[in-house]
N, C-alpha and C. Protein backbone atom coordinates (compact mmCIF):
# COMPACT_ATOMS: atom_id res chain seq x y z
N MET A 1 170.36 71.08 120.01
CA MET A 1 169.56 72.29 120.07
C MET A 1 168.64 72.37 118.86
N ALA A 2 167.48 72.98 119.09
CA ALA A 2 166.50 73.09 118.01
C ALA A 2 166.90 74.21 117.06
N HIS A 3 166.60 74.02 115.77
CA HIS A 3 166.89 75.04 114.77
C HIS A 3 165.85 76.15 114.81
N THR A 4 164.57 75.73 115.02
CA THR A 4 163.48 76.70 114.97
C THR A 4 162.80 76.80 116.33
N LYS A 5 162.16 77.92 116.50
CA LYS A 5 161.44 78.15 117.75
C LYS A 5 160.18 77.28 117.77
N SER A 6 159.76 76.92 118.96
CA SER A 6 158.56 76.11 119.13
C SER A 6 157.34 76.82 118.54
N ALA A 7 156.33 76.06 118.11
CA ALA A 7 155.15 76.62 117.43
C ALA A 7 154.21 77.36 118.36
N GLY A 8 154.45 77.34 119.65
CA GLY A 8 153.63 78.10 120.58
C GLY A 8 152.58 77.29 121.29
N ALA A 9 152.56 76.00 121.10
CA ALA A 9 151.56 75.18 121.77
C ALA A 9 151.72 75.24 123.29
N ALA A 10 152.93 75.27 123.75
CA ALA A 10 153.16 75.31 125.19
C ALA A 10 152.73 76.64 125.78
N HIS A 11 152.85 77.71 125.03
CA HIS A 11 152.48 79.03 125.55
C HIS A 11 150.96 79.21 125.61
N ASN A 12 150.22 78.56 124.72
CA ASN A 12 148.78 78.76 124.65
C ASN A 12 147.97 77.66 125.34
N ALA A 13 148.62 76.79 126.10
CA ALA A 13 147.94 75.63 126.67
C ALA A 13 147.12 75.98 127.90
N ARG A 14 147.26 77.16 128.46
CA ARG A 14 146.55 77.51 129.69
C ARG A 14 145.14 78.01 129.38
N GLU A 15 144.20 77.63 130.25
CA GLU A 15 142.85 78.13 130.15
C GLU A 15 142.32 78.26 131.58
N SER A 16 141.57 79.32 131.85
CA SER A 16 141.08 79.53 133.22
C SER A 16 140.02 78.49 133.55
N GLU A 17 140.00 78.09 134.82
CA GLU A 17 139.02 77.12 135.28
C GLU A 17 137.64 77.75 135.33
N SER A 18 136.60 76.98 135.01
CA SER A 18 135.24 77.50 135.10
C SER A 18 134.89 77.71 136.57
N LYS A 19 134.05 78.72 136.85
CA LYS A 19 133.76 79.10 138.23
C LYS A 19 132.51 78.45 138.80
N ARG A 20 131.79 77.68 138.00
CA ARG A 20 130.58 76.95 138.45
C ARG A 20 129.53 77.89 139.05
N LEU A 21 129.23 78.95 138.29
CA LEU A 21 128.25 79.92 138.74
C LEU A 21 126.85 79.44 138.39
N GLY A 22 125.84 80.06 139.00
CA GLY A 22 124.45 79.77 138.66
C GLY A 22 123.64 79.37 139.86
N LEU A 23 122.42 78.92 139.60
CA LEU A 23 121.51 78.50 140.66
C LEU A 23 121.95 77.16 141.24
N LYS A 24 122.01 77.08 142.54
CA LYS A 24 122.34 75.82 143.22
C LYS A 24 121.09 75.19 143.83
N LYS A 25 120.07 76.01 144.10
CA LYS A 25 118.78 75.52 144.62
C LYS A 25 117.67 76.15 143.80
N SER A 26 116.66 75.38 143.45
CA SER A 26 115.56 75.90 142.64
C SER A 26 114.37 76.25 143.53
N ASP A 27 113.33 76.82 142.92
CA ASP A 27 112.15 77.28 143.64
C ASP A 27 111.45 76.12 144.34
N GLY A 28 111.14 76.28 145.63
CA GLY A 28 110.45 75.26 146.40
C GLY A 28 111.35 74.23 147.04
N GLU A 29 112.64 74.29 146.76
CA GLU A 29 113.58 73.31 147.30
C GLU A 29 113.94 73.66 148.75
N PRO A 30 114.02 72.67 149.64
CA PRO A 30 114.39 72.98 151.03
C PRO A 30 115.88 73.32 151.16
N VAL A 31 116.18 74.27 152.05
CA VAL A 31 117.57 74.65 152.33
C VAL A 31 117.78 74.71 153.83
N MET A 32 119.03 74.52 154.23
CA MET A 32 119.41 74.69 155.62
C MET A 32 120.23 75.97 155.74
N ALA A 33 120.30 76.49 156.94
CA ALA A 33 121.03 77.74 157.18
C ALA A 33 122.48 77.59 156.73
N GLY A 34 122.96 78.57 155.97
CA GLY A 34 124.33 78.57 155.49
C GLY A 34 124.52 77.98 154.12
N GLN A 35 123.50 77.34 153.57
CA GLN A 35 123.65 76.73 152.24
C GLN A 35 123.59 77.80 151.15
N ILE A 36 124.36 77.56 150.09
CA ILE A 36 124.41 78.48 148.96
C ILE A 36 123.19 78.25 148.07
N ILE A 37 122.53 79.36 147.72
CA ILE A 37 121.36 79.29 146.85
C ILE A 37 121.77 79.67 145.42
N VAL A 38 122.53 80.76 145.27
CA VAL A 38 122.96 81.24 143.95
C VAL A 38 124.42 81.67 144.03
N ARG A 39 125.22 81.25 143.05
CA ARG A 39 126.58 81.78 142.89
C ARG A 39 126.54 82.67 141.67
N GLN A 40 126.96 83.94 141.82
CA GLN A 40 126.82 84.90 140.74
C GLN A 40 127.91 85.95 140.79
N ARG A 41 128.07 86.65 139.69
CA ARG A 41 128.93 87.83 139.61
C ARG A 41 128.01 88.99 139.34
N GLY A 42 128.00 89.98 140.21
CA GLY A 42 127.03 91.06 140.10
C GLY A 42 125.74 90.66 140.79
N THR A 43 124.69 91.45 140.63
CA THR A 43 123.44 91.19 141.34
C THR A 43 122.31 90.89 140.37
N LYS A 44 122.40 89.78 139.67
CA LYS A 44 121.30 89.32 138.83
C LYS A 44 120.13 88.94 139.72
N TYR A 45 120.40 88.27 140.84
CA TYR A 45 119.39 87.92 141.84
C TYR A 45 119.69 88.74 143.09
N LEU A 46 118.64 89.30 143.69
CA LEU A 46 118.81 90.12 144.89
C LEU A 46 118.37 89.34 146.12
N PRO A 47 119.02 89.58 147.27
CA PRO A 47 118.62 88.89 148.50
C PRO A 47 117.32 89.45 149.06
N GLY A 48 116.49 88.57 149.58
CA GLY A 48 115.23 88.97 150.20
C GLY A 48 115.20 88.51 151.65
N PHE A 49 114.03 88.02 152.06
CA PHE A 49 113.80 87.58 153.44
C PHE A 49 114.64 86.35 153.76
N ASN A 50 115.41 86.40 154.85
CA ASN A 50 116.26 85.30 155.33
C ASN A 50 117.35 84.90 154.35
N VAL A 51 117.80 85.84 153.51
CA VAL A 51 118.89 85.57 152.55
C VAL A 51 119.93 86.66 152.70
N LYS A 52 121.20 86.26 152.66
CA LYS A 52 122.31 87.20 152.82
C LYS A 52 123.18 87.18 151.57
N ARG A 53 123.71 88.36 151.20
CA ARG A 53 124.61 88.45 150.06
C ARG A 53 126.05 88.48 150.59
N ALA A 54 126.88 87.57 150.10
CA ALA A 54 128.29 87.50 150.52
C ALA A 54 129.12 88.50 149.72
N GLY A 55 130.38 88.60 150.03
CA GLY A 55 131.27 89.56 149.39
C GLY A 55 131.45 89.36 147.90
N ASP A 56 131.32 88.12 147.43
CA ASP A 56 131.44 87.84 145.99
C ASP A 56 130.06 87.71 145.34
N ASP A 57 129.04 88.30 145.96
CA ASP A 57 127.65 88.35 145.47
C ASP A 57 126.92 87.01 145.55
N THR A 58 127.50 86.02 146.21
CA THR A 58 126.83 84.74 146.43
C THR A 58 125.67 84.94 147.40
N LEU A 59 124.54 84.28 147.16
CA LEU A 59 123.38 84.37 148.05
C LEU A 59 123.32 83.13 148.93
N LEU A 60 123.20 83.36 150.25
CA LEU A 60 123.21 82.29 151.25
C LEU A 60 121.92 82.32 152.05
N ALA A 61 121.46 81.16 152.50
CA ALA A 61 120.28 81.07 153.36
C ALA A 61 120.70 81.37 154.80
N LEU A 62 119.92 82.19 155.49
CA LEU A 62 120.19 82.51 156.90
C LEU A 62 119.45 81.57 157.84
N LYS A 63 118.34 80.99 157.38
CA LYS A 63 117.55 80.08 158.21
C LYS A 63 117.12 78.88 157.38
N ASN A 64 116.67 77.84 158.06
CA ASN A 64 116.12 76.68 157.37
C ASN A 64 114.76 77.05 156.76
N GLY A 65 114.45 76.48 155.61
CA GLY A 65 113.17 76.76 154.98
C GLY A 65 113.17 76.33 153.52
N LYS A 66 112.25 76.91 152.75
CA LYS A 66 112.14 76.62 151.32
C LYS A 66 112.47 77.85 150.52
N VAL A 67 113.14 77.65 149.39
CA VAL A 67 113.55 78.76 148.51
C VAL A 67 112.33 79.25 147.74
N ASN A 68 112.24 80.58 147.61
CA ASN A 68 111.16 81.21 146.86
C ASN A 68 111.74 82.32 146.01
N PHE A 69 111.43 82.30 144.69
CA PHE A 69 111.86 83.36 143.77
C PHE A 69 110.67 84.24 143.45
N LYS A 70 110.88 85.57 143.49
CA LYS A 70 109.78 86.50 143.25
C LYS A 70 110.25 87.60 142.31
N GLN A 71 109.44 87.89 141.27
CA GLN A 71 109.74 89.00 140.36
C GLN A 71 109.25 90.29 141.00
N SER A 72 110.04 91.34 140.88
CA SER A 72 109.69 92.62 141.48
C SER A 72 110.25 93.74 140.63
N LYS A 73 109.71 94.96 140.81
CA LYS A 73 110.24 96.14 140.13
C LYS A 73 111.11 96.90 141.11
N LYS A 74 112.24 97.40 140.63
CA LYS A 74 113.13 98.18 141.47
C LYS A 74 113.43 99.48 140.74
N THR A 75 113.38 100.60 141.47
CA THR A 75 113.68 101.89 140.88
C THR A 75 115.15 102.20 141.10
N ARG A 76 115.85 102.53 140.03
CA ARG A 76 117.26 102.89 140.11
C ARG A 76 117.42 104.32 140.60
N PHE A 77 118.63 104.70 140.92
CA PHE A 77 118.88 106.05 141.45
C PHE A 77 118.54 107.14 140.45
N ASP A 78 118.54 106.83 139.14
CA ASP A 78 118.21 107.84 138.13
C ASP A 78 116.72 107.85 137.78
N GLY A 79 115.93 107.07 138.50
CA GLY A 79 114.49 107.03 138.27
C GLY A 79 114.04 105.93 137.33
N ALA A 80 114.96 105.31 136.61
CA ALA A 80 114.60 104.22 135.71
C ALA A 80 114.19 103.00 136.53
N ARG A 81 113.28 102.20 135.97
CA ARG A 81 112.84 100.99 136.66
C ARG A 81 113.38 99.76 135.94
N ARG A 82 113.63 98.71 136.72
CA ARG A 82 114.04 97.44 136.13
C ARG A 82 113.36 96.31 136.89
N TYR A 83 113.16 95.21 136.19
CA TYR A 83 112.62 94.02 136.82
C TYR A 83 113.76 93.24 137.45
N VAL A 84 113.56 92.80 138.68
CA VAL A 84 114.59 92.03 139.38
C VAL A 84 113.96 90.77 139.93
N THR A 85 114.80 89.76 140.18
CA THR A 85 114.36 88.54 140.83
C THR A 85 114.90 88.55 142.25
N VAL A 86 113.99 88.49 143.21
CA VAL A 86 114.35 88.50 144.62
C VAL A 86 114.25 87.07 145.14
N VAL A 87 115.28 86.63 145.90
CA VAL A 87 115.31 85.28 146.45
C VAL A 87 114.98 85.35 147.93
N ASN A 88 113.96 84.59 148.35
CA ASN A 88 113.55 84.53 149.75
C ASN A 88 113.67 83.10 150.26
N VAL A 89 113.81 82.96 151.58
CA VAL A 89 113.70 81.66 152.23
C VAL A 89 112.53 81.75 153.20
N LEU A 90 111.51 80.95 152.97
CA LEU A 90 110.29 81.01 153.79
C LEU A 90 110.20 79.81 154.72
């Protein structure tokens, strides 16, 4: 039996796996229906034409086409405005 307690290396060895978030398709790139365009937490990028937002905020292409990113202004419920990036499939 050991005289002293372990130094804690075994307790601290766990680390969460990275989630591989971010852009999967860039501007002008062709996509097919169902392909993931952006993996995100929250709505940094908003869905536009032919793009659907999944339950975990992932953006998916609804039709075949090319990815297009567009800057736009959006008014919040309190009247404040913010710049947003809208993702379209054309």
